[in-house]
Every structure is written in structure tokens, then in C-alpha cells.
Amino acid sequence: MPRLLLSASVAILLFAAPALAADDKLLPPPNAKKLSDILAKVEQRDGFRYVKEVDWDDGAYTVTYYTADKAKVEITYDPVTAEPR
């Protein structure tokens, strides 16, 4: 029984290790602008109504927001310059 428990523990660790290592890539760079600064720029866009979602993917923020006329807008921002890509 202890051998089975040890084998199961090792198997779990082997499968979890890549997932834990992938978390390192999810962080913005140290010189990135604050997300609140980027969202403040979004809020100043013409017709802005509300932010629905912010995602961090492929080294950039993707902000999804809606305008006063109910149009859905998605913009990808560079985290260092806080400018749209």
C-alpha cells in the first residue's frame, strides 16, 4: 500500500510541475504600467460605458468594454507603453 501511495504522489507531481512552471509566464514585466493606468485610458475613449473583462495573454492586456450604443470593443494594450497594439 505505501508503494502505491508513493507512486501516485510522484505521478501527481510530474503532471503538476508543467502547470506550476507555466505560471511564471503569466506575469507582466517588471517595468509594466499599472493596470489601473491602462483602464483609465480606456475609460476616456469616446462613447465608453463600462469594462466587461480584462485578460492577460501573450504578453499583453486585452480589454473588452462596451460603448453607450451597446457596441462591444476589444483592444489589446502593450503593458510597458500602455498603448494599443
N, C-alpha and C. Protein backbone atom coordinates (compact mmCIF):
# COMPACT_ATOMS: atom_id res chain seq x y z
N MET A 1 0.80 -1.20 0.00
CA MET A 1 0.00 0.00 0.00
C MET A 1 0.85 1.27 0.00
N PRO A 2 1.92 1.35 0.83
CA PRO A 2 2.75 2.56 0.81
C PRO A 2 3.39 2.78 -0.56
N ARG A 3 3.74 1.70 -1.25
CA ARG A 3 4.36 1.83 -2.57
C ARG A 3 3.36 2.44 -3.56
N LEU A 4 2.10 2.05 -3.48
CA LEU A 4 1.06 2.60 -4.35
C LEU A 4 0.86 4.09 -4.06
N LEU A 5 0.85 4.45 -2.79
CA LEU A 5 0.69 5.85 -2.41
C LEU A 5 1.86 6.69 -2.90
N LEU A 6 3.07 6.16 -2.78
CA LEU A 6 4.26 6.86 -3.26
C LEU A 6 4.21 7.03 -4.77
N SER A 7 3.82 5.99 -5.48
CA SER A 7 3.72 6.07 -6.95
C SER A 7 2.69 7.10 -7.38
N ALA A 8 1.56 7.11 -6.71
CA ALA A 8 0.51 8.07 -7.05
C ALA A 8 0.99 9.49 -6.77
N SER A 9 1.69 9.70 -5.66
CA SER A 9 2.19 11.03 -5.33
C SER A 9 3.19 11.52 -6.37
N VAL A 10 4.09 10.66 -6.78
CA VAL A 10 5.08 11.03 -7.80
C VAL A 10 4.39 11.36 -9.12
N ALA A 11 3.41 10.58 -9.50
CA ALA A 11 2.68 10.82 -10.75
C ALA A 11 1.98 12.17 -10.71
N ILE A 12 1.38 12.50 -9.59
CA ILE A 12 0.69 13.79 -9.47
C ILE A 12 1.67 14.93 -9.59
N LEU A 13 2.82 14.81 -8.93
CA LEU A 13 3.83 15.86 -9.00
C LEU A 13 4.37 16.04 -10.42
N LEU A 14 4.55 14.95 -11.13
CA LEU A 14 5.06 15.04 -12.50
C LEU A 14 4.07 15.74 -13.42
N PHE A 15 2.79 15.50 -13.21
CA PHE A 15 1.78 16.15 -14.05
C PHE A 15 1.56 17.61 -13.63
N ALA A 16 1.76 17.92 -12.37
CA ALA A 16 1.52 19.28 -11.89
C ALA A 16 2.69 20.21 -12.17
N ALA A 17 3.89 19.68 -12.31
CA ALA A 17 5.09 20.52 -12.49
C ALA A 17 4.99 21.44 -13.70
N PRO A 18 4.58 20.98 -14.88
CA PRO A 18 4.47 21.92 -16.02
C PRO A 18 3.45 23.02 -15.77
N ALA A 19 2.38 22.72 -15.09
CA ALA A 19 1.37 23.74 -14.80
C ALA A 19 1.94 24.80 -13.85
N LEU A 20 2.71 24.39 -12.90
CA LEU A 20 3.32 25.35 -11.98
C LEU A 20 4.37 26.19 -12.68
N ALA A 21 5.13 25.59 -13.57
CA ALA A 21 6.15 26.34 -14.30
C ALA A 21 5.52 27.35 -15.25
N ALA A 22 4.35 27.04 -15.79
CA ALA A 22 3.68 27.93 -16.73
C ALA A 22 3.24 29.22 -16.06
N ASP A 23 3.04 29.21 -14.75
CA ASP A 23 2.60 30.42 -14.04
C ASP A 23 3.62 31.55 -14.14
N ASP A 24 4.89 31.24 -14.32
CA ASP A 24 5.92 32.27 -14.43
C ASP A 24 5.69 33.16 -15.64
N LYS A 25 5.09 32.65 -16.69
CA LYS A 25 4.88 33.41 -17.91
C LYS A 25 3.64 34.29 -17.84
N LEU A 26 2.87 34.16 -16.79
CA LEU A 26 1.61 34.89 -16.70
C LEU A 26 1.76 36.28 -16.11
N LEU A 27 2.93 36.63 -15.66
CA LEU A 27 3.11 37.93 -15.01
C LEU A 27 3.54 39.00 -16.00
N PRO A 28 3.04 40.23 -15.82
CA PRO A 28 3.53 41.34 -16.64
C PRO A 28 5.00 41.62 -16.30
N PRO A 29 5.73 42.24 -17.21
CA PRO A 29 7.13 42.55 -16.94
C PRO A 29 7.26 43.55 -15.79
N PRO A 30 8.43 43.60 -15.16
CA PRO A 30 8.62 44.49 -14.02
C PRO A 30 8.42 45.98 -14.35
N ASN A 31 8.67 46.36 -15.59
CA ASN A 31 8.53 47.77 -15.99
C ASN A 31 7.16 48.08 -16.60
N ALA A 32 6.19 47.21 -16.37
CA ALA A 32 4.84 47.42 -16.92
C ALA A 32 4.14 48.56 -16.22
N LYS A 33 3.28 49.22 -16.97
CA LYS A 33 2.42 50.26 -16.39
C LYS A 33 1.38 49.58 -15.49
N LYS A 34 0.82 50.33 -14.58
CA LYS A 34 -0.24 49.80 -13.73
C LYS A 34 -1.47 49.54 -14.58
N LEU A 35 -2.15 48.45 -14.27
CA LEU A 35 -3.39 48.14 -14.98
C LEU A 35 -4.40 49.26 -14.80
N SER A 36 -4.42 49.88 -13.65
CA SER A 36 -5.36 50.99 -13.41
C SER A 36 -5.09 52.16 -14.36
N ASP A 37 -3.82 52.39 -14.72
CA ASP A 37 -3.49 53.45 -15.69
C ASP A 37 -4.04 53.11 -17.08
N ILE A 38 -3.92 51.85 -17.44
CA ILE A 38 -4.43 51.42 -18.76
C ILE A 38 -5.96 51.53 -18.78
N LEU A 39 -6.60 51.12 -17.71
CA LEU A 39 -8.06 51.20 -17.67
C LEU A 39 -8.54 52.65 -17.66
N ALA A 40 -7.78 53.54 -17.05
CA ALA A 40 -8.14 54.96 -17.07
C ALA A 40 -8.13 55.49 -18.50
N LYS A 41 -7.17 55.02 -19.33
CA LYS A 41 -7.14 55.43 -20.74
C LYS A 41 -8.37 54.90 -21.48
N VAL A 42 -8.76 53.67 -21.16
CA VAL A 42 -9.94 53.07 -21.80
C VAL A 42 -11.19 53.88 -21.44
N GLU A 43 -11.30 54.25 -20.18
CA GLU A 43 -12.48 54.99 -19.72
C GLU A 43 -12.62 56.35 -20.38
N GLN A 44 -11.54 56.90 -20.92
CA GLN A 44 -11.58 58.21 -21.56
C GLN A 44 -11.90 58.12 -23.06
N ARG A 45 -12.06 56.91 -23.58
CA ARG A 45 -12.37 56.76 -25.00
C ARG A 45 -13.80 57.23 -25.27
N ASP A 46 -14.03 57.72 -26.50
CA ASP A 46 -15.36 58.22 -26.89
C ASP A 46 -16.40 57.12 -26.76
N GLY A 47 -17.51 57.44 -26.13
CA GLY A 47 -18.63 56.53 -26.03
C GLY A 47 -18.48 55.45 -24.98
N PHE A 48 -17.41 55.48 -24.21
CA PHE A 48 -17.18 54.44 -23.21
C PHE A 48 -18.35 54.35 -22.24
N ARG A 49 -18.75 53.09 -21.93
CA ARG A 49 -19.82 52.88 -20.95
C ARG A 49 -19.31 52.07 -19.76
N TYR A 50 -18.77 50.84 -20.01
CA TYR A 50 -18.24 50.03 -18.91
C TYR A 50 -17.29 48.97 -19.42
N VAL A 51 -16.36 48.56 -18.54
CA VAL A 51 -15.41 47.48 -18.84
C VAL A 51 -16.08 46.17 -18.46
N LYS A 52 -16.03 45.23 -19.39
CA LYS A 52 -16.60 43.92 -19.11
C LYS A 52 -15.54 42.95 -18.62
N GLU A 53 -14.35 42.99 -19.26
CA GLU A 53 -13.35 41.98 -18.95
C GLU A 53 -11.95 42.48 -19.30
N VAL A 54 -10.97 42.02 -18.52
CA VAL A 54 -9.56 42.28 -18.82
C VAL A 54 -8.84 40.94 -18.76
N ASP A 55 -8.13 40.61 -19.82
CA ASP A 55 -7.36 39.36 -19.88
C ASP A 55 -5.89 39.67 -20.05
N TRP A 56 -5.05 38.79 -19.51
CA TRP A 56 -3.61 38.87 -19.73
C TRP A 56 -3.24 37.63 -20.54
N ASP A 57 -2.80 37.83 -21.79
CA ASP A 57 -2.47 36.70 -22.66
C ASP A 57 -1.43 37.15 -23.67
N ASP A 58 -0.50 36.28 -23.97
CA ASP A 58 0.55 36.55 -24.96
C ASP A 58 1.30 37.85 -24.68
N GLY A 59 1.51 38.16 -23.40
CA GLY A 59 2.30 39.33 -23.04
C GLY A 59 1.60 40.66 -23.23
N ALA A 60 0.27 40.67 -23.22
CA ALA A 60 -0.47 41.92 -23.39
C ALA A 60 -1.80 41.84 -22.66
N TYR A 61 -2.34 43.01 -22.34
CA TYR A 61 -3.68 43.09 -21.76
C TYR A 61 -4.68 43.24 -22.89
N THR A 62 -5.75 42.46 -22.84
CA THR A 62 -6.87 42.64 -23.76
C THR A 62 -8.05 43.13 -22.94
N VAL A 63 -8.51 44.32 -23.25
CA VAL A 63 -9.61 44.94 -22.52
C VAL A 63 -10.86 44.87 -23.39
N THR A 64 -11.91 44.31 -22.83
CA THR A 64 -13.20 44.25 -23.51
C THR A 64 -14.13 45.23 -22.80
N TYR A 65 -14.69 46.16 -23.58
CA TYR A 65 -15.61 47.13 -22.98
C TYR A 65 -16.77 47.38 -23.93
N TYR A 66 -17.79 48.04 -23.40
CA TYR A 66 -18.97 48.38 -24.19
C TYR A 66 -19.12 49.89 -24.26
N THR A 67 -19.67 50.35 -25.36
CA THR A 67 -19.90 51.78 -25.56
C THR A 67 -21.35 52.12 -25.21
N ALA A 68 -21.65 53.40 -25.22
CA ALA A 68 -23.00 53.86 -24.90
C ALA A 68 -24.04 53.32 -25.88
N ASP A 69 -23.63 53.05 -27.12
CA ASP A 69 -24.58 52.50 -28.10
C ASP A 69 -24.54 50.96 -28.13
N LYS A 70 -24.01 50.35 -27.05
CA LYS A 70 -24.00 48.90 -26.82
C LYS A 70 -23.07 48.13 -27.75
N ALA A 71 -22.09 48.81 -28.36
CA ALA A 71 -21.11 48.12 -29.19
C ALA A 71 -20.03 47.52 -28.31
N LYS A 72 -19.63 46.29 -28.64
CA LYS A 72 -18.57 45.60 -27.91
C LYS A 72 -17.23 45.95 -28.56
N VAL A 73 -16.25 46.35 -27.75
CA VAL A 73 -14.93 46.74 -28.26
C VAL A 73 -13.87 45.95 -27.51
N GLU A 74 -12.91 45.38 -28.25
CA GLU A 74 -11.77 44.69 -27.66
C GLU A 74 -10.50 45.37 -28.15
N ILE A 75 -9.67 45.78 -27.20
CA ILE A 75 -8.41 46.43 -27.55
C ILE A 75 -7.30 45.74 -26.78
N THR A 76 -6.20 45.46 -27.45
CA THR A 76 -5.03 44.86 -26.83
C THR A 76 -4.01 45.96 -26.56
N TYR A 77 -3.54 46.02 -25.31
CA TYR A 77 -2.59 47.05 -24.88
C TYR A 77 -1.24 46.44 -24.53
N ASP A 78 -0.19 47.13 -24.95
CA ASP A 78 1.16 46.77 -24.55
C ASP A 78 1.32 47.13 -23.07
N PRO A 79 1.80 46.22 -22.23
CA PRO A 79 1.87 46.52 -20.80
C PRO A 79 2.95 47.53 -20.43
N VAL A 80 3.98 47.69 -21.25
CA VAL A 80 5.07 48.61 -20.94
C VAL A 80 4.75 50.03 -21.38
N THR A 81 4.20 50.18 -22.59
CA THR A 81 3.92 51.52 -23.11
C THR A 81 2.50 51.98 -22.81
N ALA A 82 1.62 51.05 -22.45
CA ALA A 82 0.20 51.32 -22.24
C ALA A 82 -0.48 51.87 -23.48
N GLU A 83 0.06 51.53 -24.64
CA GLU A 83 -0.52 51.94 -25.92
C GLU A 83 -1.16 50.73 -26.60
N PRO A 84 -2.22 50.95 -27.39
CA PRO A 84 -2.82 49.84 -28.14
C PRO A 84 -1.82 49.23 -29.12
N ARG A 85 -1.93 47.95 -29.31
CA ARG A 85 -1.06 47.25 -30.28
C ARG A 85 -1.73 47.23 -31.63
